[in-house]
Amino acid sequence: MSLRDLIPSFLIGAVASARSMTPMATLATARLLGRPTPGPLVLLDRPLFRFGALALGLGELAGDKMKSAPDRTVFLGLLARTLSAGIAGAALAPRDRSAAGAGIAVGTAVPMAYLTLAGRKRAMARMGQTRSGLIEDLLIVGAGAAVVALGVGAARHRR
């Protein structure tokens, strides 16, 4: 095992910094497509949690455009990022390094939430909340899908 095996965990933490539910939604999508993760992901093997993760991911995308949407750095936002990044980081790490994957993902998600918020605020000042949010959605959902594809692809190659 090398540090390279934890790159998907680091990257999914970066995704969680901007959209807390996207890591879980992209992992749920991978499970729906029959793709295994290198590390454990027991809850998303249950349909209620799998479809719940997808619904939360879609809800977050819609809710982010509302004027009343809180900053991602409020307590509940950081808690959601911590949980989502930790679960996803563990799932994308090799099975024997799932704790390290969770730690790296959380350690990435929380400080980067402040950076991505600063970037989003600058974008909002230039182009408004809805337009900047849609652009961020495209970037983050695409990045989340790519990271999960990378992580599950790496799992297939190790077998």
N, C-alpha and C. Protein backbone atom coordinates (compact mmCIF):
# COMPACT_ATOMS: atom_id res chain seq x y z
N MET A 1 0.83 -1.18 0.00
CA MET A 1 0.00 0.00 0.00
C MET A 1 0.88 1.25 0.00
N SER A 2 0.43 2.22 -0.74
CA SER A 2 1.16 3.48 -0.78
C SER A 2 0.20 4.64 -0.49
N LEU A 3 0.79 5.78 -0.34
CA LEU A 3 -0.02 6.99 -0.11
C LEU A 3 -0.94 7.24 -1.31
N ARG A 4 -0.55 6.81 -2.46
CA ARG A 4 -1.34 6.97 -3.68
C ARG A 4 -2.72 6.31 -3.54
N ASP A 5 -2.80 5.25 -2.76
CA ASP A 5 -4.07 4.55 -2.55
C ASP A 5 -5.09 5.41 -1.82
N LEU A 6 -4.64 6.47 -1.17
CA LEU A 6 -5.54 7.34 -0.40
C LEU A 6 -5.94 8.61 -1.16
N ILE A 7 -5.48 8.75 -2.39
CA ILE A 7 -5.84 9.93 -3.19
C ILE A 7 -7.34 10.07 -3.36
N PRO A 8 -8.09 8.99 -3.68
CA PRO A 8 -9.54 9.17 -3.78
C PRO A 8 -10.17 9.67 -2.48
N SER A 9 -9.66 9.25 -1.34
CA SER A 9 -10.19 9.72 -0.06
C SER A 9 -9.94 11.22 0.11
N PHE A 10 -8.74 11.66 -0.24
CA PHE A 10 -8.42 13.09 -0.19
C PHE A 10 -9.35 13.88 -1.11
N LEU A 11 -9.52 13.39 -2.33
CA LEU A 11 -10.33 14.10 -3.31
C LEU A 11 -11.81 14.15 -2.93
N ILE A 12 -12.32 13.05 -2.36
CA ILE A 12 -13.74 13.06 -1.97
C ILE A 12 -13.95 14.03 -0.80
N GLY A 13 -12.93 14.22 0.02
CA GLY A 13 -13.00 15.24 1.06
C GLY A 13 -13.12 16.63 0.47
N ALA A 14 -12.40 16.88 -0.62
CA ALA A 14 -12.50 18.17 -1.31
C ALA A 14 -13.91 18.36 -1.88
N VAL A 15 -14.48 17.29 -2.42
CA VAL A 15 -15.86 17.36 -2.94
C VAL A 15 -16.82 17.70 -1.80
N ALA A 16 -16.67 17.02 -0.67
CA ALA A 16 -17.55 17.25 0.49
C ALA A 16 -17.44 18.68 1.01
N SER A 17 -16.31 19.32 0.79
CA SER A 17 -16.15 20.69 1.27
C SER A 17 -17.13 21.65 0.61
N ALA A 18 -17.52 21.35 -0.61
CA ALA A 18 -18.43 22.23 -1.34
C ALA A 18 -19.88 21.74 -1.33
N ARG A 19 -20.08 20.43 -1.36
CA ARG A 19 -21.42 19.83 -1.35
C ARG A 19 -21.38 18.64 -0.42
N SER A 20 -21.97 18.79 0.74
CA SER A 20 -21.85 17.76 1.78
C SER A 20 -22.48 16.43 1.40
N MET A 21 -23.52 16.43 0.62
CA MET A 21 -24.21 15.18 0.30
C MET A 21 -23.74 14.53 -1.00
N THR A 22 -22.97 15.23 -1.80
CA THR A 22 -22.52 14.68 -3.07
C THR A 22 -21.68 13.42 -2.91
N PRO A 23 -20.77 13.33 -1.94
CA PRO A 23 -20.02 12.07 -1.81
C PRO A 23 -20.94 10.86 -1.60
N MET A 24 -21.94 11.01 -0.73
CA MET A 24 -22.84 9.89 -0.47
C MET A 24 -23.71 9.59 -1.68
N ALA A 25 -24.18 10.64 -2.37
CA ALA A 25 -25.02 10.43 -3.55
C ALA A 25 -24.25 9.76 -4.67
N THR A 26 -22.99 10.14 -4.86
CA THR A 26 -22.21 9.50 -5.92
C THR A 26 -21.86 8.05 -5.56
N LEU A 27 -21.61 7.79 -4.29
CA LEU A 27 -21.38 6.40 -3.87
C LEU A 27 -22.66 5.57 -4.00
N ALA A 28 -23.81 6.15 -3.68
CA ALA A 28 -25.08 5.45 -3.86
C ALA A 28 -25.30 5.12 -5.33
N THR A 29 -24.97 6.05 -6.21
CA THR A 29 -25.10 5.80 -7.64
C THR A 29 -24.19 4.66 -8.07
N ALA A 30 -22.96 4.66 -7.56
CA ALA A 30 -22.04 3.56 -7.89
C ALA A 30 -22.61 2.23 -7.43
N ARG A 31 -23.20 2.19 -6.25
CA ARG A 31 -23.81 0.96 -5.74
C ARG A 31 -24.98 0.53 -6.63
N LEU A 32 -25.80 1.50 -7.07
CA LEU A 32 -26.91 1.18 -7.97
C LEU A 32 -26.41 0.57 -9.27
N LEU A 33 -25.22 0.98 -9.69
CA LEU A 33 -24.61 0.44 -10.91
C LEU A 33 -23.84 -0.85 -10.66
N GLY A 34 -23.88 -1.33 -9.42
CA GLY A 34 -23.23 -2.59 -9.08
C GLY A 34 -21.73 -2.50 -8.89
N ARG A 35 -21.23 -1.32 -8.62
CA ARG A 35 -19.79 -1.12 -8.43
C ARG A 35 -19.41 -1.24 -6.96
N PRO A 36 -18.48 -2.10 -6.64
CA PRO A 36 -18.02 -2.21 -5.24
C PRO A 36 -17.00 -1.12 -4.92
N THR A 37 -16.92 -0.78 -3.67
CA THR A 37 -15.90 0.16 -3.21
C THR A 37 -14.78 -0.64 -2.57
N PRO A 38 -13.57 -0.09 -2.56
CA PRO A 38 -12.47 -0.83 -1.94
C PRO A 38 -12.66 -1.03 -0.44
N GLY A 39 -13.23 -0.05 0.23
CA GLY A 39 -13.45 -0.13 1.68
C GLY A 39 -14.92 -0.40 1.97
N PRO A 40 -15.25 -0.54 3.24
CA PRO A 40 -16.62 -0.87 3.63
C PRO A 40 -17.60 0.28 3.42
N LEU A 41 -18.81 -0.08 3.03
CA LEU A 41 -19.87 0.90 2.82
C LEU A 41 -21.21 0.20 3.07
N VAL A 42 -21.38 -0.29 4.27
CA VAL A 42 -22.51 -1.15 4.60
C VAL A 42 -23.86 -0.45 4.46
N LEU A 43 -24.00 0.76 4.97
CA LEU A 43 -25.31 1.41 4.95
C LEU A 43 -25.87 1.60 3.55
N LEU A 44 -25.04 1.95 2.60
CA LEU A 44 -25.54 2.20 1.25
C LEU A 44 -25.87 0.92 0.51
N ASP A 45 -25.70 -0.22 1.14
CA ASP A 45 -26.16 -1.47 0.55
C ASP A 45 -27.64 -1.70 0.87
N ARG A 46 -28.19 -0.89 1.73
CA ARG A 46 -29.61 -0.98 2.08
C ARG A 46 -30.37 0.05 1.22
N PRO A 47 -31.44 -0.39 0.55
CA PRO A 47 -32.16 0.51 -0.37
C PRO A 47 -32.62 1.81 0.27
N LEU A 48 -33.10 1.77 1.50
CA LEU A 48 -33.58 2.99 2.16
C LEU A 48 -32.46 4.04 2.23
N PHE A 49 -31.27 3.63 2.62
CA PHE A 49 -30.14 4.56 2.73
C PHE A 49 -29.62 4.97 1.36
N ARG A 50 -29.62 4.02 0.42
CA ARG A 50 -29.13 4.32 -0.92
C ARG A 50 -29.99 5.40 -1.57
N PHE A 51 -31.30 5.19 -1.55
CA PHE A 51 -32.19 6.17 -2.17
C PHE A 51 -32.30 7.45 -1.33
N GLY A 52 -32.14 7.31 -0.04
CA GLY A 52 -32.10 8.49 0.83
C GLY A 52 -30.91 9.37 0.51
N ALA A 53 -29.76 8.76 0.27
CA ALA A 53 -28.56 9.52 -0.08
C ALA A 53 -28.75 10.25 -1.40
N LEU A 54 -29.38 9.59 -2.35
CA LEU A 54 -29.65 10.25 -3.63
C LEU A 54 -30.61 11.43 -3.45
N ALA A 55 -31.65 11.23 -2.66
CA ALA A 55 -32.61 12.31 -2.41
C ALA A 55 -31.96 13.49 -1.69
N LEU A 56 -31.14 13.20 -0.70
CA LEU A 56 -30.44 14.28 0.02
C LEU A 56 -29.49 15.03 -0.91
N GLY A 57 -28.81 14.30 -1.78
CA GLY A 57 -27.91 14.95 -2.73
C GLY A 57 -28.66 15.89 -3.67
N LEU A 58 -29.78 15.43 -4.19
CA LEU A 58 -30.59 16.29 -5.07
C LEU A 58 -31.19 17.47 -4.31
N GLY A 59 -31.65 17.20 -3.09
CA GLY A 59 -32.21 18.26 -2.27
C GLY A 59 -31.20 19.35 -1.95
N GLU A 60 -29.98 18.93 -1.69
CA GLU A 60 -28.93 19.91 -1.41
C GLU A 60 -28.66 20.79 -2.62
N LEU A 61 -28.66 20.19 -3.80
CA LEU A 61 -28.42 20.98 -5.01
C LEU A 61 -29.51 22.03 -5.20
N ALA A 62 -30.74 21.67 -4.92
CA ALA A 62 -31.84 22.63 -5.05
C ALA A 62 -31.79 23.66 -3.92
N GLY A 63 -31.58 23.22 -2.70
CA GLY A 63 -31.60 24.12 -1.55
C GLY A 63 -30.49 25.14 -1.54
N ASP A 64 -29.38 24.81 -2.15
CA ASP A 64 -28.23 25.71 -2.18
C ASP A 64 -28.54 27.02 -2.90
N LYS A 65 -29.51 27.00 -3.78
CA LYS A 65 -29.82 28.21 -4.57
C LYS A 65 -30.76 29.15 -3.83
N MET A 66 -31.29 28.71 -2.71
CA MET A 66 -32.25 29.54 -1.96
C MET A 66 -31.51 30.65 -1.21
N LYS A 67 -32.13 31.79 -1.13
CA LYS A 67 -31.53 32.92 -0.41
C LYS A 67 -31.33 32.61 1.07
N SER A 68 -32.16 31.73 1.62
CA SER A 68 -32.07 31.39 3.04
C SER A 68 -31.07 30.27 3.33
N ALA A 69 -30.40 29.77 2.31
CA ALA A 69 -29.43 28.68 2.51
C ALA A 69 -28.30 29.16 3.42
N PRO A 70 -28.00 28.41 4.48
CA PRO A 70 -26.91 28.83 5.37
C PRO A 70 -25.54 28.58 4.73
N ASP A 71 -24.54 29.27 5.23
CA ASP A 71 -23.17 29.02 4.78
C ASP A 71 -22.77 27.59 5.13
N ARG A 72 -21.91 27.02 4.32
CA ARG A 72 -21.45 25.65 4.55
C ARG A 72 -20.59 25.49 5.79
N THR A 73 -20.21 26.61 6.39
CA THR A 73 -19.34 26.53 7.56
C THR A 73 -20.09 26.67 8.88
N VAL A 74 -21.43 26.69 8.84
CA VAL A 74 -22.18 26.67 10.10
C VAL A 74 -22.01 25.28 10.71
N PHE A 75 -22.29 25.14 12.00
CA PHE A 75 -22.05 23.88 12.70
C PHE A 75 -22.65 22.68 11.98
N LEU A 76 -23.94 22.75 11.64
CA LEU A 76 -24.58 21.59 11.00
C LEU A 76 -24.00 21.30 9.62
N GLY A 77 -23.60 22.33 8.91
CA GLY A 77 -22.95 22.13 7.62
C GLY A 77 -21.61 21.42 7.75
N LEU A 78 -20.83 21.84 8.73
CA LEU A 78 -19.54 21.18 8.96
C LEU A 78 -19.74 19.76 9.48
N LEU A 79 -20.76 19.54 10.30
CA LEU A 79 -21.04 18.19 10.79
C LEU A 79 -21.42 17.27 9.63
N ALA A 80 -22.28 17.75 8.74
CA ALA A 80 -22.66 16.95 7.58
C ALA A 80 -21.45 16.63 6.71
N ARG A 81 -20.57 17.61 6.51
CA ARG A 81 -19.37 17.38 5.72
C ARG A 81 -18.45 16.37 6.38
N THR A 82 -18.33 16.48 7.69
CA THR A 82 -17.48 15.55 8.44
C THR A 82 -17.99 14.12 8.29
N LEU A 83 -19.28 13.92 8.49
CA LEU A 83 -19.84 12.58 8.40
C LEU A 83 -19.76 12.02 6.98
N SER A 84 -20.17 12.81 6.02
CA SER A 84 -20.16 12.36 4.63
C SER A 84 -18.75 12.09 4.14
N ALA A 85 -17.84 13.00 4.43
CA ALA A 85 -16.45 12.81 4.00
C ALA A 85 -15.84 11.59 4.68
N GLY A 86 -16.11 11.41 5.96
CA GLY A 86 -15.55 10.27 6.68
C GLY A 86 -16.04 8.94 6.12
N ILE A 87 -17.33 8.84 5.90
CA ILE A 87 -17.89 7.59 5.35
C ILE A 87 -17.35 7.34 3.94
N ALA A 88 -17.38 8.37 3.10
CA ALA A 88 -16.92 8.21 1.73
C ALA A 88 -15.41 7.98 1.66
N GLY A 89 -14.66 8.68 2.49
CA GLY A 89 -13.21 8.49 2.51
C GLY A 89 -12.82 7.09 2.91
N ALA A 90 -13.53 6.52 3.88
CA ALA A 90 -13.28 5.14 4.30
C ALA A 90 -13.64 4.17 3.18
N ALA A 91 -14.76 4.42 2.50
CA ALA A 91 -15.20 3.52 1.44
C ALA A 91 -14.27 3.53 0.24
N LEU A 92 -13.62 4.65 -0.02
CA LEU A 92 -12.74 4.76 -1.19
C LEU A 92 -11.30 4.38 -0.90
N ALA A 93 -10.99 4.12 0.36
CA ALA A 93 -9.63 3.69 0.73
C ALA A 93 -9.57 2.16 0.71
N PRO A 94 -8.38 1.60 0.57
CA PRO A 94 -8.26 0.15 0.68
C PRO A 94 -8.82 -0.32 2.02
N ARG A 95 -9.42 -1.49 2.03
CA ARG A 95 -10.11 -2.01 3.22
C ARG A 95 -9.25 -1.93 4.48
N ASP A 96 -7.97 -2.21 4.37
CA ASP A 96 -7.11 -2.18 5.56
C ASP A 96 -6.65 -0.77 5.92
N ARG A 97 -7.06 0.22 5.16
CA ARG A 97 -6.68 1.61 5.46
C ARG A 97 -7.90 2.52 5.52
N SER A 98 -9.06 1.94 5.83
CA SER A 98 -10.29 2.73 5.83
C SER A 98 -10.27 3.85 6.88
N ALA A 99 -9.68 3.60 8.03
CA ALA A 99 -9.61 4.66 9.05
C ALA A 99 -8.74 5.82 8.56
N ALA A 100 -7.65 5.50 7.91
CA ALA A 100 -6.79 6.56 7.35
C ALA A 100 -7.53 7.32 6.26
N GLY A 101 -8.29 6.59 5.42
CA GLY A 101 -9.07 7.24 4.36
C GLY A 101 -10.10 8.19 4.93
N ALA A 102 -10.78 7.76 6.01
CA ALA A 102 -11.77 8.62 6.66
C ALA A 102 -11.10 9.87 7.22
N GLY A 103 -9.97 9.69 7.89
CA GLY A 103 -9.26 10.82 8.49
C GLY A 103 -8.78 11.83 7.47
N ILE A 104 -8.25 11.33 6.37
CA ILE A 104 -7.77 12.22 5.30
C ILE A 104 -8.93 12.99 4.68
N ALA A 105 -10.04 12.30 4.45
CA ALA A 105 -11.20 12.97 3.84
C ALA A 105 -11.75 14.06 4.75
N VAL A 106 -11.89 13.76 6.02
CA VAL A 106 -12.40 14.76 6.97
C VAL A 106 -11.41 15.90 7.11
N GLY A 107 -10.13 15.56 7.20
CA GLY A 107 -9.09 16.57 7.33
C GLY A 107 -8.98 17.48 6.10
N THR A 108 -9.51 17.02 5.00
CA THR A 108 -9.56 17.84 3.78
C THR A 108 -10.85 18.65 3.73
N ALA A 109 -11.97 18.00 4.05
CA ALA A 109 -13.29 18.63 3.88
C ALA A 109 -13.48 19.86 4.75
N VAL A 110 -13.11 19.76 6.01
CA VAL A 110 -13.42 20.86 6.93
C VAL A 110 -12.66 22.14 6.59
N PRO A 111 -11.33 22.12 6.49
CA PRO A 111 -10.67 23.40 6.15
C PRO A 111 -11.01 23.88 4.74
N MET A 112 -11.20 22.94 3.81
CA MET A 112 -11.52 23.38 2.44
C MET A 112 -12.92 23.97 2.35
N ALA A 113 -13.80 23.66 3.30
CA ALA A 113 -15.14 24.27 3.30
C ALA A 113 -15.02 25.78 3.38
N TYR A 114 -14.06 26.25 4.15
CA TYR A 114 -13.85 27.70 4.27
C TYR A 114 -13.31 28.28 2.96
N LEU A 115 -12.44 27.55 2.30
CA LEU A 115 -11.89 28.01 1.01
C LEU A 115 -12.95 28.02 -0.08
N THR A 116 -13.73 26.93 -0.16
CA THR A 116 -14.75 26.88 -1.20
C THR A 116 -15.85 27.90 -0.94
N LEU A 117 -16.13 28.19 0.33
CA LEU A 117 -17.11 29.23 0.65
C LEU A 117 -16.61 30.61 0.19
N ALA A 118 -15.35 30.88 0.43
CA ALA A 118 -14.78 32.16 -0.01
C ALA A 118 -14.86 32.29 -1.53
N GLY A 119 -14.55 31.22 -2.23
CA GLY A 119 -14.66 31.23 -3.69
C GLY A 119 -16.09 31.43 -4.16
N ARG A 120 -17.01 30.75 -3.49
CA ARG A 120 -18.42 30.88 -3.88
C ARG A 120 -18.92 32.30 -3.63
N LYS A 121 -18.52 32.91 -2.52
CA LYS A 121 -18.95 34.29 -2.23
C LYS A 121 -18.44 35.25 -3.30
N ARG A 122 -17.20 35.05 -3.75
CA ARG A 122 -16.67 35.89 -4.83
C ARG A 122 -17.47 35.70 -6.11
N ALA A 123 -17.79 34.44 -6.41
CA ALA A 123 -18.57 34.14 -7.61
C ALA A 123 -19.98 34.72 -7.50
N MET A 124 -20.57 34.65 -6.30
CA MET A 124 -21.91 35.21 -6.11
C MET A 124 -21.92 36.72 -6.34
N ALA A 125 -20.86 37.39 -5.91
CA ALA A 125 -20.78 38.84 -6.10
C ALA A 125 -20.70 39.19 -7.59
N ARG A 126 -20.10 38.31 -8.37
CA ARG A 126 -19.95 38.56 -9.80
C ARG A 126 -21.18 38.18 -10.61
N MET A 127 -21.78 37.02 -10.28
CA MET A 127 -22.82 36.48 -11.16
C MET A 127 -24.12 36.09 -10.46
N GLY A 128 -24.20 36.30 -9.16
CA GLY A 128 -25.43 35.98 -8.44
C GLY A 128 -25.41 34.58 -7.85
N GLN A 129 -26.35 34.35 -6.93
CA GLN A 129 -26.38 33.10 -6.19
C GLN A 129 -26.76 31.90 -7.06
N THR A 130 -27.78 32.05 -7.88
CA THR A 130 -28.25 30.91 -8.65
C THR A 130 -27.23 30.49 -9.71
N ARG A 131 -26.76 31.43 -10.47
CA ARG A 131 -25.81 31.10 -11.54
C ARG A 131 -24.50 30.54 -10.97
N SER A 132 -23.97 31.17 -9.93
CA SER A 132 -22.73 30.66 -9.33
C SER A 132 -22.96 29.28 -8.72
N GLY A 133 -24.14 29.05 -8.14
CA GLY A 133 -24.46 27.75 -7.57
C GLY A 133 -24.56 26.66 -8.62
N LEU A 134 -25.17 26.98 -9.75
CA LEU A 134 -25.28 26.00 -10.83
C LEU A 134 -23.92 25.62 -11.38
N ILE A 135 -23.05 26.60 -11.53
CA ILE A 135 -21.69 26.33 -12.01
C ILE A 135 -20.94 25.47 -10.99
N GLU A 136 -21.08 25.83 -9.71
CA GLU A 136 -20.43 25.03 -8.67
C GLU A 136 -20.99 23.61 -8.65
N ASP A 137 -22.31 23.48 -8.83
CA ASP A 137 -22.92 22.15 -8.88
C ASP A 137 -22.30 21.30 -9.98
N LEU A 138 -22.21 21.87 -11.17
CA LEU A 138 -21.64 21.12 -12.29
C LEU A 138 -20.22 20.67 -11.99
N LEU A 139 -19.43 21.57 -11.44
CA LEU A 139 -18.04 21.24 -11.13
C LEU A 139 -17.95 20.17 -10.04
N ILE A 140 -18.71 20.33 -8.98
CA ILE A 140 -18.59 19.43 -7.83
C ILE A 140 -19.23 18.08 -8.09
N VAL A 141 -20.38 18.04 -8.73
CA VAL A 141 -21.00 16.75 -9.04
C VAL A 141 -20.12 15.99 -10.04
N GLY A 142 -19.59 16.70 -11.02
CA GLY A 142 -18.67 16.06 -11.97
C GLY A 142 -17.42 15.54 -11.28
N ALA A 143 -16.87 16.35 -10.39
CA ALA A 143 -15.69 15.91 -9.65
C ALA A 143 -16.01 14.72 -8.76
N GLY A 144 -17.17 14.75 -8.09
CA GLY A 144 -17.57 13.63 -7.24
C GLY A 144 -17.71 12.34 -8.03
N ALA A 145 -18.35 12.43 -9.19
CA ALA A 145 -18.50 11.25 -10.04
C ALA A 145 -17.14 10.73 -10.50
N ALA A 146 -16.25 11.63 -10.87
CA ALA A 146 -14.92 11.22 -11.32
C ALA A 146 -14.12 10.57 -10.19
N VAL A 147 -14.21 11.14 -9.00
CA VAL A 147 -13.47 10.59 -7.86
C VAL A 147 -13.98 9.20 -7.50
N VAL A 148 -15.29 9.05 -7.46
CA VAL A 148 -15.85 7.73 -7.15
C VAL A 148 -15.49 6.72 -8.24
N ALA A 149 -15.55 7.13 -9.50
CA ALA A 149 -15.14 6.24 -10.60
C ALA A 149 -13.68 5.84 -10.44
N LEU A 150 -12.83 6.79 -10.09
CA LEU A 150 -11.42 6.50 -9.85
C LEU A 150 -11.26 5.51 -8.70
N GLY A 151 -11.98 5.75 -7.61
CA GLY A 151 -11.88 4.90 -6.43
C GLY A 151 -12.38 3.49 -6.66
N VAL A 152 -13.52 3.35 -7.31
CA VAL A 152 -14.03 1.99 -7.55
C VAL A 152 -13.25 1.31 -8.65
N GLY A 153 -12.73 2.09 -9.59
CA GLY A 153 -11.87 1.50 -10.63
C GLY A 153 -10.58 0.96 -10.03
N ALA A 154 -10.02 1.70 -9.09
CA ALA A 154 -8.80 1.23 -8.42
C ALA A 154 -9.07 -0.05 -7.65
N ALA A 155 -10.27 -0.16 -7.09
CA ALA A 155 -10.63 -1.37 -6.33
C ALA A 155 -10.69 -2.57 -7.26
N ARG A 156 -11.19 -2.38 -8.46
CA ARG A 156 -11.27 -3.48 -9.41
C ARG A 156 -9.88 -3.95 -9.85
N HIS A 157 -8.95 -3.02 -9.96
CA HIS A 157 -7.61 -3.37 -10.42
C HIS A 157 -6.80 -4.09 -9.34
N ARG A 158 -7.16 -3.86 -8.07
CA ARG A 158 -6.43 -4.52 -6.98
C ARG A 158 -6.83 -5.97 -6.80
N ARG A 159 -7.98 -6.33 -7.31
CA ARG A 159 -8.50 -7.69 -7.09
C ARG A 159 -7.85 -8.69 -7.98
